[in-house]
């Protein structure tokens, strides 16, 4: 444990003396020097040349140490339905290279993980000029539940067909250790490390994704997975609030817009033409419900269309419900909202906040939670994968598992953005 504490104190890479490390770690001088010697032997720390000119104290110049960030590297692999992204980072968490590729929407999750995944991992390492032997860990995001140290195929089968054994296959394909993690959990880790939830021991991330809601949970400094890895899965919530089994907020916006245009066309049908005051949304869709898109709904909202405004208010009320549910169950300091496009977030966040406050005023004898948009936006998952991989490396190096520990005190690291 001494090695982990000392290494954490010098992670940012700035040279420091034993005295400075003693202050940061509360360890004795002999323990600091012995620990630094061990870290040097492991290749993690460098002893810097003494600068006698800057050391005006009598006697031998103070020994100076700094971590060697390029002693090893980790890779984060982020898999989405239409895109795969890989980032390689040094041991401080600084991203040295990143690649992202669009993939066919017809690709199965199996091909995304076992074909596209290994290819982009190898390419990002090569592009960054890193030799394969220097990579110590790969973390891959999975849109399904994951148990503490392994993929959970029996549970995940309920959410994604054909995923059994994918991580085992990826582990065989790549020459480095592979750890899997749920994508919402990684987004929460990323926001906790470098985003909106920095410095907090209790935070919840609500992923307003294309297919519904999901959540990543850090409570009392611990990543919460539950007994089988499904903590944060919100399929039941999606059904309870009328989202359907595979519908997200963008789809709901288009659905509600199509219903509104359909009603307008039904009324117009008796008159054989659309009235001039049918509204901007009806006009954008030319009266055809099948042409309505999410973008049309928000464009009509910007134009002051009352129908579109009612739709956006309803969407805000829909998102406010899982916010309130998570907050009353877990009592977090902050709820981070992610998964919305920048355009949707700008319009929806004020409504979500208003509807959440209204719910709390009417239903709960407690203050409403603090809400924030994700600061890292689309990069939260890939950066969370970097941090997760670093924790795996440190767990192996220092003989203890850090993979589920995310207390604010343990997350002082370099800014990787």
Protein backbone atom coordinates (compact mmCIF):
# COMPACT_ATOMS: atom_id res chain seq x y z
CA UNK A 1 0.00 0.00 0.00
CA UNK A 2 2.91 2.39 0.64
CA UNK A 3 3.95 2.05 -3.00
CA UNK A 4 0.45 2.93 -4.19
CA UNK A 5 0.31 6.00 -1.95
CA UNK A 6 3.74 7.29 -2.97
CA UNK A 7 3.12 6.61 -6.66
CA UNK A 8 -0.21 8.44 -6.50
CA UNK A 9 1.51 11.44 -4.92
CA UNK A 10 3.91 11.78 -7.85
CA UNK A 11 1.53 10.69 -10.63
CA UNK A 12 1.32 14.13 -12.27
CA UNK A 13 4.98 13.77 -13.29
CA UNK A 14 6.51 16.82 -11.61
CA UNK A 15 9.84 16.14 -9.84
CA UNK A 16 9.53 16.06 -6.06
CA UNK A 17 11.82 15.51 -3.10
CA UNK A 18 11.45 12.98 -0.30
CA UNK A 19 10.41 15.84 2.00
CA UNK A 20 7.59 16.78 -0.36
CA UNK A 21 6.51 13.14 -0.59
CA UNK A 22 6.58 12.84 3.20
CA UNK A 23 4.22 15.82 3.44
CA UNK A 24 1.88 14.42 0.79
CA UNK A 25 1.79 10.84 2.13
CA UNK A 26 2.48 11.24 5.88
CA UNK A 27 5.11 8.49 5.59
CA UNK A 28 8.54 8.58 7.22
CA UNK A 29 11.66 9.54 5.27
CA UNK A 30 13.17 6.01 5.31
CA UNK A 31 9.85 4.55 4.12
CA UNK A 32 9.62 7.11 1.31
CA UNK A 33 13.17 6.40 0.11
CA UNK A 34 12.72 2.61 0.34
CA UNK A 35 9.42 2.81 -1.53
CA UNK A 36 10.89 5.06 -4.23
CA UNK A 37 13.78 2.61 -4.70
CA UNK A 38 11.23 -0.18 -5.22
CA UNK A 39 9.26 1.94 -7.72
CA UNK A 40 12.49 2.72 -9.59
CA UNK A 41 13.27 -1.00 -9.78
CA UNK A 42 9.81 -1.60 -11.27
CA UNK A 43 10.45 1.02 -13.95
CA UNK A 44 7.65 3.29 -12.71
CA UNK A 45 9.74 6.10 -11.22
CA UNK A 46 12.91 7.92 -12.25
CA UNK A 47 15.48 9.49 -9.95
CA UNK A 48 16.30 12.93 -11.30
CA UNK A 49 19.80 14.43 -11.29
CA UNK A 50 20.39 16.47 -8.15
CA UNK A 51 20.49 20.23 -8.67
CA UNK A 52 23.01 21.42 -6.11
CA UNK A 53 22.73 25.01 -7.36
CA UNK A 54 19.08 25.15 -6.31
CA UNK A 55 19.60 23.34 -3.01
CA UNK A 56 21.08 25.88 -0.58
CA UNK A 57 21.00 23.50 2.38
CA UNK A 58 24.33 22.14 3.69
CA UNK A 59 25.23 18.53 3.02
CA UNK A 60 24.26 16.18 0.24
CA UNK A 61 21.66 17.51 -2.28
CA UNK A 62 18.15 16.13 -1.80
CA UNK A 63 17.16 13.18 -3.96
CA UNK A 64 14.46 14.08 -6.48
CA UNK A 65 11.98 11.68 -8.03
CA UNK A 66 9.31 11.76 -10.67
CA UNK A 67 7.03 9.16 -12.18
CA UNK A 68 7.87 7.87 -15.65
CA UNK A 69 4.56 8.26 -17.50
CA UNK A 70 5.84 6.35 -20.53
CA UNK A 71 6.86 3.28 -18.58
CA UNK A 72 3.64 1.70 -19.82
CA UNK A 73 0.43 2.48 -21.66
CA UNK A 74 -3.25 1.57 -21.51
CA UNK A 75 -5.90 1.45 -24.23
CA UNK A 76 -9.59 2.31 -23.96
CA UNK A 77 -11.90 0.78 -26.59
CA UNK A 78 -15.36 2.37 -26.81
CA UNK A 79 -17.93 0.48 -28.88
CA UNK A 80 -21.14 2.01 -30.20
CA UNK A 81 -23.64 0.78 -32.75
CA UNK A 82 -22.29 3.06 -35.47
CA UNK A 83 -18.77 3.85 -34.26
CA UNK A 84 -15.74 2.42 -32.54
CA UNK A 85 -13.19 4.63 -30.79
CA UNK A 86 -9.83 3.70 -29.30
CA UNK A 87 -7.53 5.88 -27.20
CA UNK A 88 -4.06 5.05 -25.90
CA UNK A 89 -2.82 6.84 -22.78
CA UNK A 90 0.31 6.90 -20.65
CA UNK A 91 0.39 6.08 -16.94
CA UNK A 92 -0.67 9.61 -15.94
CA UNK A 93 -3.80 9.22 -18.06
CA UNK A 94 -2.67 11.63 -20.77
CA UNK A 95 -4.07 10.52 -24.12
CA UNK A 96 -1.24 9.99 -26.61
CA UNK A 97 -3.38 8.98 -29.56
CA UNK A 98 -7.03 8.49 -30.47
CA UNK A 99 -8.86 7.06 -33.49
CA UNK A 100 -12.57 6.84 -34.26
CA UNK A 101 -14.24 5.01 -37.14
CA UNK A 102 -17.78 4.79 -38.40
CA UNK A 103 -18.97 1.23 -38.90
CA UNK A 104 -21.92 -0.33 -40.66
CA UNK A 105 -25.17 -0.24 -38.72
CA UNK A 106 -25.61 -3.85 -39.85
CA UNK A 107 -22.54 -4.93 -37.87
CA UNK A 108 -23.38 -7.24 -35.01
CA UNK A 109 -22.01 -6.52 -31.56
CA UNK A 110 -19.87 -9.62 -32.08
CA UNK A 111 -18.10 -8.19 -35.13
CA UNK A 112 -17.78 -4.79 -33.46
CA UNK A 113 -15.94 -6.33 -30.51
CA UNK A 114 -13.91 -9.09 -32.17
CA UNK A 115 -13.21 -7.60 -35.65
CA UNK A 116 -13.39 -3.81 -35.58
CA UNK A 117 -12.14 -3.61 -31.98
CA UNK A 118 -8.76 -5.35 -32.38
CA UNK A 119 -8.09 -3.56 -35.68
CA UNK A 120 -8.54 -0.06 -34.28
CA UNK A 121 -6.63 -0.91 -31.09
CA UNK A 122 -3.61 -2.00 -33.10
CA UNK A 123 -3.89 1.03 -35.38
CA UNK A 124 -4.06 3.59 -32.56
CA UNK A 125 -0.99 2.06 -30.91
CA UNK A 126 0.94 2.13 -34.18
CA UNK A 127 -0.15 5.69 -35.00
CA UNK A 128 0.98 6.88 -31.56
CA UNK A 129 4.42 5.33 -32.11
CA UNK A 130 4.10 2.92 -29.19
CA UNK A 131 5.58 -0.56 -29.31
CA UNK A 132 3.04 -3.30 -28.52
CA UNK A 133 5.15 -4.58 -25.61
CA UNK A 134 4.64 -1.25 -23.78
CA UNK A 135 0.85 -1.71 -23.56
CA UNK A 136 -0.18 -3.06 -20.15
CA UNK A 137 -3.98 -3.11 -20.25
CA UNK A 138 -7.00 -2.75 -22.53
CA UNK A 139 -10.45 -1.72 -21.27
CA UNK A 140 -13.44 -2.27 -23.54
CA UNK A 141 -16.87 -0.71 -23.04
CA UNK A 142 -19.86 -3.02 -23.43
CA UNK A 143 -23.51 -1.92 -23.79
CA UNK A 144 -24.58 -4.63 -21.33
CA UNK A 145 -24.14 -5.49 -17.64
CA UNK A 146 -20.68 -6.44 -16.38
CA UNK A 147 -19.82 -8.10 -13.11
CA UNK A 148 -16.96 -6.91 -10.91
CA UNK A 149 -14.05 -8.41 -12.87
CA UNK A 150 -15.63 -10.14 -15.85
CA UNK A 151 -18.24 -9.87 -18.52
CA UNK A 152 -21.60 -11.28 -17.41
CA UNK A 153 -22.92 -13.15 -20.47
CA UNK A 154 -25.84 -14.88 -18.76
CA UNK A 155 -27.30 -11.56 -17.64
CA UNK A 156 -26.28 -9.58 -20.70
CA UNK A 157 -28.09 -12.04 -22.96
CA UNK A 158 -31.32 -10.40 -21.82
CA UNK A 159 -30.13 -7.10 -23.28
CA UNK A 160 -28.04 -7.99 -26.33
CA UNK A 161 -28.35 -11.17 -28.35
CA UNK A 162 -25.24 -13.05 -29.35
CA UNK A 163 -22.82 -11.52 -26.84
CA UNK A 164 -21.79 -14.69 -25.01
CA UNK A 165 -18.05 -15.16 -24.92
CA UNK A 166 -17.17 -11.94 -26.76
CA UNK A 167 -14.72 -10.69 -24.16
CA UNK A 168 -13.16 -14.13 -23.90
CA UNK A 169 -12.67 -14.07 -27.67
CA UNK A 170 -11.24 -10.54 -27.56
CA UNK A 171 -8.88 -11.64 -24.79
CA UNK A 172 -7.64 -14.43 -27.08
CA UNK A 173 -7.27 -12.06 -30.04
CA UNK A 174 -5.32 -9.30 -28.30
CA UNK A 175 -1.92 -9.96 -26.67
CA UNK A 176 -2.72 -7.75 -23.65
CA UNK A 177 -4.93 -8.18 -20.58
CA UNK A 178 -8.52 -7.15 -21.32
CA UNK A 179 -11.12 -5.92 -18.85
CA UNK A 180 -14.74 -5.20 -19.79
CA UNK A 181 -16.96 -2.52 -18.27
CA UNK A 182 -20.49 -1.32 -18.87
CA UNK A 183 -20.57 1.82 -21.02
CA UNK A 184 -22.68 3.89 -18.60
CA UNK A 185 -20.34 2.93 -15.74
CA UNK A 186 -17.37 4.12 -17.78
CA UNK A 187 -19.12 7.39 -18.59
CA UNK A 188 -19.69 7.88 -14.85
CA UNK A 189 -16.04 7.10 -14.12
CA UNK A 190 -14.94 9.56 -16.81
CA UNK A 191 -17.14 12.37 -15.48
CA UNK A 192 -15.98 11.63 -11.93
CA UNK A 193 -12.34 11.69 -12.99
CA UNK A 194 -12.21 14.65 -15.36
CA UNK A 195 -15.74 15.97 -15.77
CA UNK A 196 -18.75 17.36 -13.95
CA UNK A 197 -18.53 15.06 -10.90
CA UNK A 198 -14.90 15.70 -9.91
CA UNK A 199 -14.32 15.73 -6.17
CA UNK A 200 -17.61 14.01 -5.29
CA UNK A 201 -17.99 10.67 -3.51
CA UNK A 202 -21.70 10.39 -4.37
CA UNK A 203 -22.78 11.00 -7.95
CA UNK A 204 -25.12 9.45 -10.49
CA UNK A 205 -24.93 9.62 -14.27
CA UNK A 206 -28.19 9.30 -16.21
CA UNK A 207 -27.53 8.25 -19.79
CA UNK A 208 -30.38 9.52 -21.95
CA UNK A 209 -29.40 7.21 -24.77
CA UNK A 210 -30.99 6.38 -28.09
CA UNK A 211 -32.64 3.23 -26.74
CA UNK A 212 -33.86 4.50 -23.38
CA UNK A 213 -32.22 5.23 -20.04
CA UNK A 214 -29.20 3.78 -18.30
CA UNK A 215 -27.22 4.84 -15.25
CA UNK A 216 -23.74 4.75 -13.79
CA UNK A 217 -23.55 4.97 -10.00
CA UNK A 218 -20.75 6.00 -7.65
CA UNK A 219 -21.95 5.92 -4.06
CA UNK A 220 -19.66 6.46 -1.05
CA UNK A 221 -16.69 6.33 -3.41
CA UNK A 222 -17.63 2.90 -4.79
CA UNK A 223 -18.79 1.97 -8.27
CA UNK A 224 -22.12 0.17 -7.74
CA UNK A 225 -22.79 -2.92 -9.87
CA UNK A 226 -25.05 -5.05 -7.69
CA UNK A 227 -24.88 -8.83 -7.27
CA UNK A 228 -25.08 -9.67 -10.99
CA UNK A 229 -23.91 -6.45 -12.62
CA UNK A 230 -27.31 -4.99 -13.54
CA UNK A 231 -27.33 -2.03 -11.14
CA UNK A 232 -28.03 0.99 -13.32
CA UNK A 233 -29.93 -0.96 -15.97
CA UNK A 234 -33.25 0.89 -16.39
CA UNK A 235 -35.35 -1.20 -18.77
CA UNK A 236 -38.14 -1.41 -16.20
CA UNK A 237 -38.07 2.38 -15.78
CA UNK A 238 -38.34 2.84 -19.55
CA UNK A 239 -41.50 0.74 -19.55
CA UNK A 240 -42.99 2.40 -16.46
CA UNK A 241 -42.71 5.91 -17.88
CA UNK A 242 -43.99 4.98 -21.32
CA UNK A 243 -40.75 4.97 -23.30
CA UNK A 244 -41.25 1.45 -24.63
CA UNK A 245 -38.69 -1.38 -24.62
CA UNK A 246 -36.29 0.23 -27.10
CA UNK A 247 -37.20 3.89 -27.33
CA UNK A 248 -35.09 6.83 -26.20
CA UNK A 249 -35.79 10.54 -25.90
CA UNK A 250 -34.90 11.35 -29.55
CA UNK A 251 -37.24 8.63 -30.79
CA UNK A 252 -39.93 9.76 -28.37
CA UNK A 253 -39.65 13.31 -29.73
CA UNK A 254 -40.16 12.09 -33.28
CA UNK A 255 -43.01 9.80 -32.20
CA UNK A 256 -44.87 12.58 -30.38
CA UNK A 257 -44.28 14.91 -33.31
CA UNK A 258 -45.66 12.36 -35.78
CA UNK A 259 -48.75 11.88 -33.61
CA UNK A 260 -49.34 15.64 -33.51
CA UNK A 261 -48.96 15.98 -37.28
CA UNK A 262 -51.25 12.97 -37.75
CA UNK A 263 -53.95 14.61 -35.66
CA UNK A 264 -53.62 17.83 -37.65
CA UNK A 265 -53.92 15.91 -40.90
CA UNK A 266 -56.99 14.06 -39.63
CA UNK A 267 -58.66 17.36 -38.81
CA UNK A 268 -57.62 18.79 -42.16
CA UNK A 269 -58.87 15.70 -43.95
CA UNK A 270 -62.47 16.69 -43.42
CA UNK A 271 -61.67 20.08 -44.96
CA UNK A 272 -59.48 18.58 -47.74
CA UNK A 273 -56.53 20.87 -46.95
CA UNK A 274 -54.24 21.89 -44.10
CA UNK A 275 -55.23 25.16 -42.46
CA UNK A 276 -52.80 28.06 -42.76
CA UNK A 277 -52.38 28.15 -38.98
CA UNK A 278 -51.60 24.42 -38.65
CA UNK A 279 -48.26 25.29 -37.09
CA UNK A 280 -44.57 25.20 -37.93
CA UNK A 281 -44.11 21.49 -37.16
CA UNK A 282 -46.94 20.51 -39.51
CA UNK A 283 -45.46 22.78 -42.16
CA UNK A 284 -41.94 21.37 -41.83
CA UNK A 285 -43.33 17.85 -42.28
CA UNK A 286 -45.62 19.00 -45.09
CA UNK A 287 -48.49 17.43 -43.18
CA UNK A 288 -46.97 13.93 -43.41
CA UNK A 289 -46.47 12.15 -40.05
CA UNK A 290 -43.97 9.75 -41.62
CA UNK A 291 -41.64 12.64 -42.44
CA UNK A 292 -41.38 13.97 -38.90
CA UNK A 293 -37.88 13.86 -37.40
CA UNK A 294 -36.47 14.82 -34.02
CA UNK A 295 -34.71 17.75 -35.67
CA UNK A 296 -38.03 19.04 -37.03
CA UNK A 297 -39.58 18.98 -33.56
CA UNK A 298 -36.78 21.09 -32.08
CA UNK A 299 -36.70 23.43 -35.09
CA UNK A 300 -40.42 24.02 -34.60
CA UNK A 301 -39.78 24.55 -30.88
CA UNK A 302 -37.23 27.24 -31.70
CA UNK A 303 -39.81 28.86 -33.96
CA UNK A 304 -42.30 29.11 -31.11
CA UNK A 305 -44.65 26.38 -32.33
CA UNK A 306 -47.02 25.64 -29.39
CA UNK A 307 -47.36 21.96 -30.32
CA UNK A 308 -43.57 21.52 -30.34
CA UNK A 309 -43.32 23.34 -27.03
CA UNK A 310 -45.80 20.92 -25.48
CA UNK A 311 -43.75 18.02 -26.83
CA UNK A 312 -40.50 19.39 -25.37
CA UNK A 313 -42.21 20.00 -22.02
CA UNK A 314 -43.41 16.40 -22.05
CA UNK A 315 -39.90 15.14 -22.86
CA UNK A 316 -38.52 17.15 -19.95
CA UNK A 317 -41.12 15.61 -17.65
CA UNK A 318 -40.17 12.12 -18.88
CA UNK A 319 -36.47 12.65 -18.09
CA UNK A 320 -37.30 14.23 -14.72
CA UNK A 321 -38.87 10.99 -13.49
CA UNK A 322 -35.75 8.77 -13.56
CA UNK A 323 -33.77 11.74 -12.20
CA UNK A 324 -36.13 11.85 -9.22
CA UNK A 325 -36.15 8.06 -8.82
CA UNK A 326 -32.36 7.79 -8.76
CA UNK A 327 -32.06 10.76 -6.44
CA UNK A 328 -34.54 9.51 -3.87
CA UNK A 329 -33.09 5.98 -3.94
CA UNK A 330 -29.41 6.96 -3.72
CA UNK A 331 -29.25 10.55 -2.41
CA UNK A 332 -26.37 11.69 -4.67
CA UNK A 333 -24.70 15.07 -4.50
CA UNK A 334 -25.09 15.45 -8.26
CA UNK A 335 -26.97 13.90 -11.18
CA UNK A 336 -25.05 14.17 -14.45
CA UNK A 337 -27.13 14.06 -17.64
CA UNK A 338 -25.38 12.64 -20.70
CA UNK A 339 -26.32 11.20 -24.08
CA UNK A 340 -28.16 14.24 -25.45
CA UNK A 341 -26.88 16.04 -28.50
CA UNK A 342 -25.68 19.59 -27.86
CA UNK A 343 -28.78 20.99 -29.59
CA UNK A 344 -31.19 18.86 -27.57
CA UNK A 345 -29.35 19.49 -24.31
CA UNK A 346 -29.53 23.26 -24.73
CA UNK A 347 -33.31 23.12 -25.11
CA UNK A 348 -34.15 20.26 -22.76
CA UNK A 349 -31.98 20.93 -19.69
CA UNK A 350 -33.96 23.98 -18.47
CA UNK A 351 -37.17 21.97 -18.88
CA UNK A 352 -35.71 18.91 -17.09
CA UNK A 353 -34.60 21.10 -14.18
CA UNK A 354 -37.99 22.80 -13.99
CA UNK A 355 -39.91 19.52 -14.11
CA UNK A 356 -37.61 17.93 -11.51
CA UNK A 357 -38.15 20.86 -9.15
CA UNK A 358 -41.89 20.58 -9.73
CA UNK A 359 -41.84 16.85 -8.92
CA UNK A 360 -39.97 17.48 -5.69
CA UNK A 361 -42.29 20.30 -4.66
CA UNK A 362 -45.34 18.10 -5.16
CA UNK A 363 -44.09 14.65 -4.13
CA UNK A 364 -41.00 14.73 -1.91
CA UNK A 365 -40.14 16.38 1.39
CA UNK A 366 -36.51 16.89 0.35
CA UNK A 367 -34.50 19.36 -1.72
CA UNK A 368 -34.21 18.59 -5.42
CA UNK A 369 -30.85 17.20 -6.59
CA UNK A 370 -28.27 19.33 -8.33
CA UNK A 371 -28.21 18.61 -12.07
CA UNK A 372 -25.44 19.10 -14.59
CA UNK A 373 -24.82 18.27 -18.20
CA UNK A 374 -21.90 15.93 -18.81
CA UNK A 375 -18.75 18.03 -19.16
CA UNK A 376 -16.96 15.47 -21.35
CA UNK A 377 -19.90 14.89 -23.70
CA UNK A 378 -19.09 12.07 -26.13
CA UNK A 379 -15.63 11.45 -24.64
CA UNK A 380 -16.79 10.44 -21.16
CA UNK A 381 -16.85 6.70 -21.92
CA UNK A 382 -13.47 6.51 -23.63
CA UNK A 383 -11.80 8.56 -20.86
CA UNK A 384 -13.55 6.45 -18.25
CA UNK A 385 -12.02 3.43 -19.97
CA UNK A 386 -8.57 4.98 -19.61
CA UNK A 387 -9.11 5.48 -15.88
CA UNK A 388 -10.56 1.97 -15.47
CA UNK A 389 -7.56 0.45 -17.25
CA UNK A 390 -5.16 2.44 -15.06
CA UNK A 391 -6.88 1.10 -11.96
CA UNK A 392 -6.43 -2.45 -13.22
CA UNK A 393 -2.72 -1.80 -13.79
CA UNK A 394 -2.29 -0.31 -10.33
CA UNK A 395 -4.16 -3.19 -8.75
CA UNK A 396 -1.69 -5.66 -10.27
CA UNK A 397 1.37 -3.55 -9.49
CA UNK A 398 0.53 -2.79 -5.90
CA UNK A 399 -1.15 -6.02 -4.92
CA UNK A 400 -4.64 -4.69 -4.28
CA UNK A 401 -7.77 -4.19 -6.36
CA UNK A 402 -8.64 -0.58 -7.13
CA UNK A 403 -11.13 -1.32 -9.89
CA UNK A 404 -14.25 -0.34 -7.92
CA UNK A 405 -12.78 2.43 -5.74
CA UNK A 406 -13.51 5.95 -6.93
CA UNK A 407 -13.32 8.12 -3.83
CA UNK A 408 -12.57 11.77 -4.48
CA UNK A 409 -9.32 11.54 -2.53
CA UNK A 410 -7.97 8.80 -4.81
CA UNK A 411 -8.70 10.59 -8.09
CA UNK A 412 -6.05 13.34 -8.16
CA UNK A 413 -4.66 12.85 -11.64
CA UNK A 414 -3.44 14.75 -14.65
CA UNK A 415 -5.96 16.58 -16.80
CA UNK A 416 -6.27 14.40 -19.91
CA UNK A 417 -8.55 16.66 -21.91
